[in-house]
């Protein structure tokens, strides 16, 4: 759907940087999809899923490692880093 919108340029630029979106349209679509996902998760959590509030917090509280992995910043132990030189033994 095509529409005209007034969007803060600084906010849009930040969203593009954070998400890696290549176009403004892609950035807006990603932001809207994320907002819809967050709302759906909030609804599910409010239903409780049969768990106590403390059990839900423990099960779904992201760790710093989770945050890095979700942004593709973690390197598996089996993979070589995509940068730098491979060390050779002497």
Protein backbone atom coordinates (compact mmCIF):
# COMPACT_ATOMS: atom_id res chain seq x y z
CA UNK A 1 0.00 0.00 0.00
CA UNK A 2 1.36 3.39 -0.90
CA UNK A 3 0.84 6.31 1.47
CA UNK A 4 2.34 9.62 2.48
CA UNK A 5 3.61 9.92 6.05
CA UNK A 6 5.59 12.41 8.08
CA UNK A 7 8.31 10.50 9.95
CA UNK A 8 11.07 12.05 12.04
CA UNK A 9 14.23 11.74 9.91
CA UNK A 10 16.50 11.15 12.92
CA UNK A 11 14.31 8.35 14.25
CA UNK A 12 14.10 6.73 10.82
CA UNK A 13 17.87 6.97 10.35
CA UNK A 14 18.39 5.37 13.77
CA UNK A 15 15.98 2.52 12.94
CA UNK A 16 17.80 1.92 9.65
CA UNK A 17 21.15 1.80 11.44
CA UNK A 18 19.94 -0.49 14.24
CA UNK A 19 18.08 -2.93 11.97
CA UNK A 20 20.43 -2.85 9.02
CA UNK A 21 17.52 -1.95 6.73
CA UNK A 22 18.69 -0.86 3.30
CA UNK A 23 15.62 1.25 2.49
CA UNK A 24 13.26 3.50 4.41
CA UNK A 25 10.34 1.26 3.48
CA UNK A 26 12.15 -1.80 4.79
CA UNK A 27 12.95 0.02 8.06
CA UNK A 28 9.31 1.02 8.57
CA UNK A 29 8.10 -2.52 7.76
CA UNK A 30 10.60 -4.03 10.21
CA UNK A 31 9.60 -1.58 12.96
CA UNK A 32 5.89 -2.30 12.44
CA UNK A 33 6.45 -6.07 12.41
CA UNK A 34 8.48 -5.81 15.62
CA UNK A 35 5.75 -3.75 17.31
CA UNK A 36 3.11 -6.32 16.30
CA UNK A 37 5.34 -9.16 17.59
CA UNK A 38 5.88 -7.39 20.92
CA UNK A 39 2.15 -6.81 21.33
CA UNK A 40 1.41 -10.49 20.62
CA UNK A 41 4.05 -11.56 23.16
CA UNK A 42 2.54 -9.19 25.74
CA UNK A 43 -0.89 -10.76 25.16
CA UNK A 44 0.55 -14.27 25.55
CA UNK A 45 2.40 -13.33 28.72
CA UNK A 46 -0.74 -11.79 30.19
CA UNK A 47 -2.50 -15.13 29.65
CA UNK A 48 0.24 -16.67 31.76
CA UNK A 49 0.90 -19.79 29.70
CA UNK A 50 0.27 -21.78 32.88
CA UNK A 51 3.34 -20.35 34.61
CA UNK A 52 3.69 -18.07 37.60
CA UNK A 53 4.96 -14.51 36.96
CA UNK A 54 8.37 -15.48 38.39
CA UNK A 55 8.57 -18.57 36.17
CA UNK A 56 7.70 -16.45 33.11
CA UNK A 57 10.37 -13.87 34.00
CA UNK A 58 12.98 -16.59 34.46
CA UNK A 59 12.05 -18.30 31.20
CA UNK A 60 11.91 -15.17 29.01
CA UNK A 61 14.36 -12.69 30.49
CA UNK A 62 17.02 -12.23 27.81
CA UNK A 63 20.65 -12.41 28.84
CA UNK A 64 23.41 -10.22 27.35
CA UNK A 65 24.46 -13.23 25.27
CA UNK A 66 20.91 -13.52 23.84
CA UNK A 67 21.02 -9.88 22.82
CA UNK A 68 24.34 -10.33 21.02
CA UNK A 69 23.19 -13.50 19.26
CA UNK A 70 19.98 -11.85 18.07
CA UNK A 71 22.07 -9.16 16.36
CA UNK A 72 24.48 -11.69 14.80
CA UNK A 73 27.41 -10.59 16.95
CA UNK A 74 28.32 -13.93 18.49
CA UNK A 75 30.72 -16.31 16.81
CA UNK A 76 30.20 -19.99 17.36
CA UNK A 77 33.07 -21.94 18.89
CA UNK A 78 33.26 -23.99 15.69
CA UNK A 79 33.49 -21.00 13.36
CA UNK A 80 36.42 -18.74 12.71
CA UNK A 81 35.85 -15.03 13.14
CA UNK A 82 35.08 -13.36 9.79
CA UNK A 83 37.94 -10.91 10.28
CA UNK A 84 41.62 -10.94 11.14
CA UNK A 85 44.26 -13.42 10.23
CA UNK A 86 44.33 -17.05 11.16
CA UNK A 87 47.02 -17.69 13.73
CA UNK A 88 49.66 -20.18 12.75
CA UNK A 89 51.51 -22.25 15.31
CA UNK A 90 55.23 -21.72 15.61
